[in-house]
N, C-alpha and C. Protein backbone atom coordinates (compact mmCIF):
# COMPACT_ATOMS: atom_id res chain seq x y z
N MET A 1 173.76 -8.26 107.49
CA MET A 1 172.89 -7.17 107.62
C MET A 1 174.16 -6.24 108.64
N ALA A 2 174.14 -5.14 108.30
CA ALA A 2 174.91 -4.19 108.28
C ALA A 2 174.33 -3.40 109.64
N ILE A 3 175.81 -3.02 110.70
CA ILE A 3 174.96 -2.26 111.80
C ILE A 3 175.51 -0.95 111.56
N LYS A 4 174.66 0.02 111.81
CA LYS A 4 175.14 1.16 111.52
C LYS A 4 175.73 1.71 112.93
N LYS A 5 177.02 2.43 112.76
CA LYS A 5 177.98 2.90 113.99
C LYS A 5 177.29 4.43 113.71
N THR A 6 177.71 4.84 115.04
CA THR A 6 177.08 6.43 115.44
C THR A 6 178.69 7.24 114.87
N THR A 7 178.05 8.26 114.32
CA THR A 7 180.04 8.72 114.54
C THR A 7 180.74 9.59 115.58
N PRO A 8 181.75 9.59 115.45
CA PRO A 8 182.27 10.17 117.25
C PRO A 8 181.62 11.40 117.59
N SER A 9 181.45 12.56 116.35
CA SER A 9 180.77 13.92 116.73
C SER A 9 179.32 13.58 116.97
N LEU A 10 178.54 12.71 116.40
CA LEU A 10 177.68 12.76 117.08
C LEU A 10 177.38 12.28 118.43
N LYS A 11 177.88 11.28 118.90
CA LYS A 11 178.26 10.39 120.10
C LYS A 11 178.38 11.66 121.34
N HIS A 12 179.79 12.37 120.39
CA HIS A 12 180.23 13.47 121.78
C HIS A 12 179.04 14.34 121.74
N SER A 13 178.14 14.88 120.85
CA SER A 13 177.37 16.12 121.12
C SER A 13 175.91 15.47 121.67
N ALA A 14 175.66 14.23 121.61
CA ALA A 14 174.75 13.53 122.55
C ALA A 14 175.05 13.72 123.99
N ARG A 15 176.41 13.07 124.17
CA ARG A 15 176.41 13.28 125.82
C ARG A 15 177.00 14.38 125.97
N CYS A 16 177.44 15.70 125.01
CA CYS A 16 177.26 17.08 125.92
C CYS A 16 175.50 17.37 125.87
N VAL A 17 174.72 17.27 125.29
CA VAL A 17 173.63 17.56 125.74
C VAL A 17 173.10 17.03 126.74
N ALA A 18 173.52 15.14 127.35
CA ALA A 18 173.57 14.59 128.10
C ALA A 18 173.76 15.47 129.73
N MET A 19 175.22 15.39 129.23
CA MET A 19 175.75 16.71 130.85
C MET A 19 175.18 17.98 131.02
N THR A 20 174.74 18.68 129.88
CA THR A 20 174.12 19.36 130.39
C THR A 20 172.79 19.58 130.89
N LEU A 21 172.10 18.69 130.42
CA LEU A 21 170.66 18.47 130.92
C LEU A 21 170.93 18.26 132.39
N CYS A 22 171.95 16.89 133.35
CA CYS A 22 171.86 17.06 134.10
C CYS A 22 172.42 18.09 134.96
N ALA A 23 173.29 18.52 134.41
CA ALA A 23 173.74 20.00 135.37
C ALA A 23 172.86 20.99 135.50
N THR A 24 172.19 21.16 134.98
CA THR A 24 171.04 22.13 134.88
C THR A 24 170.15 21.52 135.53
N SER A 25 170.12 20.38 135.90
CA SER A 25 168.88 19.99 136.87
C SER A 25 169.37 19.73 138.39
N LEU A 26 170.38 19.45 138.73
CA LEU A 26 171.23 19.74 139.57
C LEU A 26 171.10 21.37 140.31
N LEU A 27 171.66 22.27 139.26
CA LEU A 27 171.42 23.50 139.55
C LEU A 27 170.04 24.22 140.10
N ALA A 28 169.26 23.52 139.28
CA ALA A 28 168.06 24.10 139.32
C ALA A 28 167.59 23.49 140.66
N ALA A 29 168.18 22.64 141.77
CA ALA A 29 167.72 22.44 143.05
C ALA A 29 168.44 23.09 144.10
N CYS A 30 169.43 23.79 143.94
CA CYS A 30 170.49 24.38 144.66
C CYS A 30 169.65 26.03 144.80
N GLU A 31 169.81 26.32 146.05
CA GLU A 31 168.88 27.12 146.73
C GLU A 31 170.40 27.92 147.80
N PRO A 32 169.98 29.28 147.83
CA PRO A 32 171.16 29.63 148.79
C PRO A 32 170.42 29.64 150.06
N SER A 33 171.35 29.12 150.75
CA SER A 33 170.82 28.97 152.11
C SER A 33 171.19 30.16 153.16
N LEU A 34 170.81 30.28 154.07
CA LEU A 34 171.22 31.55 154.82
C LEU A 34 172.27 31.68 155.82
N PRO A 35 172.79 32.22 155.63
CA PRO A 35 174.32 32.26 156.70
C PRO A 35 173.97 32.07 157.61
N PRO A 36 174.94 31.32 158.71
CA PRO A 36 174.76 30.94 160.08
C PRO A 36 175.02 32.39 160.92
N PRO A 37 174.04 32.18 161.74
CA PRO A 37 174.73 33.26 162.91
C PRO A 37 175.89 33.29 163.40
N PRO A 38 176.29 34.50 164.08
CA PRO A 38 177.41 34.74 164.29
C PRO A 38 177.63 33.82 165.64
N ALA A 39 178.98 33.69 165.74
CA ALA A 39 179.57 32.41 166.80
C ALA A 39 179.04 32.59 168.17
N GLY A 40 178.52 32.48 168.92
CA GLY A 40 178.18 32.75 170.20
C GLY A 40 176.43 32.98 170.13
N SER A 41 175.96 33.21 168.98
CA SER A 41 174.64 34.13 169.22
C SER A 41 173.63 33.10 169.84
N LYS A 42 172.81 33.37 169.98
CA LYS A 42 171.63 32.86 171.02
C LYS A 42 170.63 32.93 169.35
N LEU A 43 170.58 33.98 168.62
CA LEU A 43 169.49 34.21 167.72
C LEU A 43 169.60 33.08 166.43
N THR A 44 169.03 32.59 165.84
CA THR A 44 168.81 31.71 164.55
C THR A 44 169.00 32.36 163.16
N ALA A 45 169.47 31.37 162.57
CA ALA A 45 169.61 32.53 160.72
C ALA A 45 168.30 32.99 160.43
N GLU A 46 167.09 32.33 160.67
CA GLU A 46 165.54 33.02 160.64
C GLU A 46 165.67 33.97 161.40
N THR A 47 165.81 34.04 162.74
CA THR A 47 165.14 35.15 163.67
C THR A 47 166.18 36.68 162.77
N ILE A 48 167.48 36.34 162.57
CA ILE A 48 168.35 37.47 161.85
C ILE A 48 167.53 37.93 160.76
N ALA A 49 167.29 36.88 159.57
CA ALA A 49 167.10 37.43 158.42
C ALA A 49 165.74 38.24 158.43
N THR A 50 164.52 37.89 159.50
CA THR A 50 163.43 38.23 159.82
C THR A 50 163.69 39.42 160.06
N ARG A 51 164.56 40.07 160.88
CA ARG A 51 164.94 41.10 161.60
C ARG A 51 165.42 42.02 160.54
N GLU A 52 166.32 41.54 159.70
CA GLU A 52 166.98 42.36 158.92
C GLU A 52 166.16 42.91 157.47
N ALA A 53 164.64 41.53 157.15
CA ALA A 53 164.20 41.89 155.98
C ALA A 53 163.58 43.08 156.03
N PRO A 54 163.24 44.17 154.93
CA PRO A 54 162.48 44.92 154.35
C PRO A 54 161.54 45.49 154.54
N ALA A 55 160.55 46.38 154.77
CA ALA A 55 159.01 46.51 155.62
C ALA A 55 158.47 45.84 154.45
N GLU A 56 158.39 46.32 152.98
CA GLU A 56 158.15 45.27 151.82
C GLU A 56 157.86 43.97 151.78
N HIS A 57 158.97 43.61 152.56
CA HIS A 57 159.08 41.64 152.28
C HIS A 57 158.23 41.37 153.60
N GLN A 58 157.74 42.02 154.44
CA GLN A 58 156.87 41.56 155.13
C GLN A 58 155.45 42.09 155.44
N PHE A 59 154.48 41.41 155.99
CA PHE A 59 153.33 41.95 156.25
C PHE A 59 152.48 41.13 157.98
N LYS A 60 152.53 41.98 158.86
CA LYS A 60 152.29 41.64 160.20
C LYS A 60 150.76 42.53 160.44
N GLY A 61 149.66 41.24 160.16
CA GLY A 61 148.30 42.13 160.69
C GLY A 61 147.48 40.82 160.90
N VAL A 62 146.06 41.23 160.72
CA VAL A 62 145.36 40.28 160.76
C VAL A 62 144.66 39.94 159.46
N LEU A 63 144.83 38.57 159.07
CA LEU A 63 143.86 37.72 158.16
C LEU A 63 142.81 36.55 158.63
N ALA A 64 141.56 36.67 158.27
CA ALA A 64 140.98 35.92 158.29
C ALA A 64 140.62 35.67 159.95
N GLY A 65 140.49 36.97 160.75
CA GLY A 65 140.26 37.24 162.07
C GLY A 65 141.12 36.88 162.94
N LYS A 66 142.60 36.39 162.39
CA LYS A 66 143.92 36.15 163.23
C LYS A 66 145.08 36.59 162.96
N PRO A 67 145.72 36.90 163.73
CA PRO A 67 147.00 37.41 163.70
C PRO A 67 148.23 36.73 162.78
N ILE A 68 148.86 37.26 162.00
CA ILE A 68 149.49 36.56 161.25
C ILE A 68 150.89 37.25 160.35
N HIS A 69 152.07 36.66 160.58
CA HIS A 69 153.28 37.45 160.31
C HIS A 69 153.47 36.53 158.91
N LEU A 70 153.65 37.29 157.59
CA LEU A 70 154.16 36.68 156.77
C LEU A 70 155.70 37.23 156.17
N LEU A 71 156.37 36.88 155.39
CA LEU A 71 157.61 37.45 155.19
C LEU A 71 158.14 36.50 153.55
N ALA A 72 158.51 37.35 153.06
CA ALA A 72 158.82 36.84 151.52
C ALA A 72 160.62 36.81 151.99
N HIS A 73 160.96 35.73 151.13
CA HIS A 73 162.30 35.63 151.13
C HIS A 73 162.80 34.90 150.19
N ASN A 74 163.80 34.72 149.52
CA ASN A 74 164.02 34.19 148.22
C ASN A 74 163.02 33.96 147.31
N CYS A 75 162.32 34.83 147.36
CA CYS A 75 160.41 34.53 146.23
C CYS A 75 160.37 33.39 146.68
N LYS A 76 160.02 33.09 148.03
CA LYS A 76 159.28 32.27 148.75
C LYS A 76 158.58 32.96 149.87
N VAL A 77 157.37 32.55 150.49
CA VAL A 77 156.94 32.90 151.39
C VAL A 77 156.65 32.19 152.37
N TYR A 78 156.66 32.61 153.67
CA TYR A 78 156.92 31.83 155.03
C TYR A 78 156.22 32.65 155.79
N GLN A 79 155.45 31.76 156.87
CA GLN A 79 154.57 32.36 157.83
C GLN A 79 155.73 32.27 159.00
N VAL A 80 155.84 33.28 159.85
CA VAL A 80 156.90 33.53 160.72
C VAL A 80 156.11 33.34 161.63
N ASP A 81 156.88 32.44 162.61
CA ASP A 81 155.97 32.34 164.05
C ASP A 81 156.99 32.26 165.21
N PRO A 82 156.57 32.33 166.39
CA PRO A 82 157.43 32.67 167.68
C PRO A 82 157.94 31.56 167.82
N ALA A 83 159.12 31.56 168.66
CA ALA A 83 160.10 30.04 169.25
C ALA A 83 160.66 30.15 170.05
N GLU A 84 161.52 29.80 170.70
CA GLU A 84 162.16 29.56 171.97
C GLU A 84 163.03 31.24 171.48
N GLY A 85 162.85 31.44 173.07
CA GLY A 85 163.62 32.92 173.41
C GLY A 85 163.24 33.93 172.60
N GLU A 86 163.87 34.80 171.89
CA GLU A 86 163.65 35.78 171.23
C GLU A 86 164.02 35.16 169.53
N ASN A 87 163.70 33.45 169.47
CA ASN A 87 163.78 33.44 167.73
C ASN A 87 162.31 33.20 167.48
N VAL A 88 162.32 33.18 166.51
CA VAL A 88 161.32 33.05 165.09
C VAL A 88 161.31 31.56 164.55
N SER A 89 160.41 30.94 164.29
CA SER A 89 160.69 29.87 162.95
C SER A 89 159.84 30.13 161.61
N TRP A 90 160.14 29.32 160.58
CA TRP A 90 159.88 29.59 159.44
C TRP A 90 159.03 28.39 159.03
N THR A 91 157.91 29.03 158.58
CA THR A 91 156.50 27.79 157.70
C THR A 91 156.45 28.08 156.13
N LEU A 92 156.94 27.20 155.59
CA LEU A 92 156.92 27.96 153.71
C LEU A 92 155.15 27.51 153.51
N VAL A 93 154.78 29.00 152.83
CA VAL A 93 152.95 28.63 152.67
C VAL A 93 152.83 28.87 151.25
N LEU A 94 154.00 29.60 150.69
CA LEU A 94 154.20 29.85 148.93
C LEU A 94 155.45 29.42 148.45
N GLU A 95 155.52 28.95 147.27
CA GLU A 95 156.51 29.11 146.42
C GLU A 95 155.97 28.90 145.22
N GLY A 96 156.63 29.56 144.35
CA GLY A 96 156.27 29.52 143.02
C GLY A 96 155.92 28.80 142.05
N ASP A 97 155.80 28.85 140.88
CA ASP A 97 155.51 27.60 139.90
C ASP A 97 156.84 27.33 139.53
N PHE A 98 156.91 25.53 139.34
CA PHE A 98 158.31 24.91 139.23
C PHE A 98 158.43 25.58 137.90
N TYR A 99 159.98 25.70 138.02
CA TYR A 99 160.72 26.34 136.42
C TYR A 99 161.87 25.44 136.16
N PRO A 100 162.15 24.33 135.28
CA PRO A 100 163.14 23.50 135.15
C PRO A 100 164.65 24.06 135.23
N LEU A 101 164.75 24.99 134.91
CA LEU A 101 165.93 25.73 134.77
C LEU A 101 166.44 26.58 135.97
N PRO A 102 167.74 26.65 136.03
CA PRO A 102 167.99 27.80 137.53
C PRO A 102 167.38 29.53 137.12
N THR A 103 166.91 30.00 138.67
CA THR A 103 166.38 30.80 138.56
C THR A 103 167.03 31.68 139.50
N SER A 104 167.00 33.16 139.16
CA SER A 104 167.27 34.14 140.60
C SER A 104 166.07 34.79 141.27
N CYS A 105 165.95 35.14 142.16
CA CYS A 105 165.03 36.10 142.55
C CYS A 105 165.26 37.37 142.36
N LEU A 106 164.57 37.96 141.46
CA LEU A 106 164.94 39.80 140.78
C LEU A 106 163.96 40.18 141.54
N SER A 107 162.75 40.17 142.36
CA SER A 107 161.90 41.22 142.81
C SER A 107 160.83 40.53 143.91
N GLN A 108 160.55 40.59 145.00
CA GLN A 108 159.43 40.28 145.78
C GLN A 108 159.12 41.32 146.47
N SER A 109 157.64 41.19 147.25
CA SER A 109 157.14 41.80 147.97
C SER A 109 155.86 41.37 147.81
N LEU A 110 155.26 41.51 149.39
CA LEU A 110 153.79 41.59 150.00
C LEU A 110 152.97 43.06 150.21
N THR A 111 152.08 42.61 150.06
CA THR A 111 151.23 43.90 150.25
C THR A 111 149.81 44.16 150.44
N GLU A 112 149.33 44.64 151.28
CA GLU A 112 148.17 44.81 152.04
C GLU A 112 147.24 45.27 150.90
N GLU A 113 145.97 44.43 150.89
CA GLU A 113 144.85 45.02 149.62
C GLU A 113 143.50 44.12 150.33
N LYS A 114 142.50 45.19 150.24
CA LYS A 114 141.20 44.37 150.44
C LYS A 114 140.72 43.35 151.46
N GLY A 115 141.87 43.39 152.75
CA GLY A 115 141.52 42.33 153.56
C GLY A 115 142.11 40.96 153.09
N GLY A 116 142.92 41.10 152.02
CA GLY A 116 143.85 39.92 151.89
C GLY A 116 145.51 40.60 151.39
N VAL A 117 146.12 39.73 151.14
CA VAL A 117 147.77 40.55 150.73
C VAL A 117 148.27 39.54 149.72
N THR A 118 148.97 40.60 148.87
CA THR A 118 149.12 40.00 147.45
C THR A 118 150.99 39.63 147.87
N ALA A 119 151.34 38.49 147.14
CA ALA A 119 152.64 38.47 147.21
C ALA A 119 153.18 38.59 145.85
N PHE A 120 154.34 38.96 145.45
CA PHE A 120 154.61 39.44 144.05
C PHE A 120 155.88 38.46 144.53
N ILE A 121 156.51 37.25 143.61
CA ILE A 121 157.53 36.62 143.44
C ILE A 121 158.40 36.82 142.76
N GLY A 122 159.05 37.22 141.73
CA GLY A 122 159.70 37.64 140.70
C GLY A 122 160.75 36.79 140.39
N ARG A 123 160.79 35.27 140.14
CA ARG A 123 162.01 35.02 139.34
C ARG A 123 162.35 34.72 137.72
N GLN A 124 163.61 35.51 137.91
CA GLN A 124 164.22 35.19 136.33
C GLN A 124 164.89 34.03 136.26
N ALA A 125 164.42 33.42 134.64
CA ALA A 125 165.97 32.48 134.62
C ALA A 125 167.19 32.99 134.20
N LEU A 126 167.77 32.04 135.09
CA LEU A 126 169.81 32.87 134.81
C LEU A 126 169.90 32.63 132.62
N GLY A 127 170.27 33.77 132.97
CA GLY A 127 171.08 33.56 131.36
C GLY A 127 169.60 34.74 130.75
N ALA A 128 168.54 35.17 131.01
CA ALA A 128 167.24 35.40 130.31
C ALA A 128 167.25 36.87 130.74
N GLY A 129 166.46 37.33 130.16
CA GLY A 129 166.18 39.27 130.47
C GLY A 129 164.95 38.95 130.48
N GLY A 130 163.98 39.83 131.48
CA GLY A 130 162.75 40.52 132.00
C GLY A 130 162.47 39.60 132.98
N CYS A 131 161.14 39.93 132.99
CA CYS A 131 160.57 38.76 134.26
C CYS A 131 159.35 38.37 134.14
N CYS A 132 158.73 37.51 134.20
CA CYS A 132 159.47 36.44 135.55
C CYS A 132 158.68 35.03 134.90
N THR A 133 159.14 34.10 135.77
CA THR A 133 159.25 32.76 135.05
C THR A 133 157.66 32.55 136.16
N GLY A 134 157.03 31.63 135.21
CA GLY A 134 155.78 31.33 135.81
C GLY A 134 154.77 32.57 136.06
N THR A 135 153.84 32.52 137.30
CA THR A 135 152.80 32.87 137.35
C THR A 135 153.58 33.92 138.96
N PRO A 136 153.65 35.34 138.87
CA PRO A 136 154.23 36.29 139.61
C PRO A 136 153.72 36.84 140.89
N LYS A 137 152.60 36.87 140.30
CA LYS A 137 151.54 37.32 141.43
C LYS A 137 150.00 36.32 141.92
N TYR A 138 150.40 36.25 143.66
CA TYR A 138 149.20 35.66 144.35
C TYR A 138 148.74 36.05 145.29
N ARG A 139 147.48 35.76 145.88
CA ARG A 139 146.72 36.71 146.54
C ARG A 139 145.89 35.73 147.67
N THR A 140 146.14 36.01 149.15
CA THR A 140 145.53 35.22 150.10
C THR A 140 144.75 35.97 151.20
N LYS A 141 143.62 35.16 151.94
CA LYS A 141 142.88 35.94 152.61
C LYS A 141 143.26 35.50 153.77
N ASP A 142 143.70 34.42 153.93
CA ASP A 142 144.03 33.69 155.48
C ASP A 142 145.56 33.58 156.04
N GLY A 143 146.66 33.81 154.55
CA GLY A 143 148.08 33.55 154.92
C GLY A 143 148.47 31.90 154.56
N VAL A 144 147.50 31.18 154.13
CA VAL A 144 147.62 29.87 153.96
C VAL A 144 147.36 29.74 152.74
N THR A 145 145.86 29.80 152.55
CA THR A 145 145.68 29.42 150.94
C THR A 145 146.16 30.65 149.97
N TRP A 146 146.68 30.24 148.96
CA TRP A 146 147.36 31.18 147.80
C TRP A 146 146.14 31.01 146.36
N LYS A 147 145.88 31.87 146.14
CA LYS A 147 145.44 31.80 144.67
C LYS A 147 146.52 33.06 143.89
N PRO A 148 146.22 32.29 142.32
CA PRO A 148 147.36 33.48 141.60
C PRO A 148 146.06 34.45 141.02
N ASN A 149 147.10 35.73 141.44
CA ASN A 149 146.11 37.02 140.68
C ASN A 149 146.68 37.60 139.41
């Protein structure tokens, strides 16, 4: 019985493909984190980022009869709540569809419309053109439950 040996070039190609897939998977899990607050600051990174966020990335109003503050940051949507002192805390309420390759946040916004809020979270696959990976638009009437729009 003859054993067929794989040629070195085929082994090398298979190894390169496997390494590329592993590296891509690791990069897909990487997300930029918030920069630390300045030394001596009593404000958290979330508080500083919330204060610096442009108006089109925030919604402050009433949904489903309750006051709510929402923030789009890095193509995710967070509920912003008061915390200790002048600080705020973030709770993740929406992130886009899973995408197996690394992406970058191309465009994001929160828009008030007819008793609800529409979030646009446009992620672009790295090395690709255009927008967007997955579903970029979602709508909520309460700030917690989001449906593709």
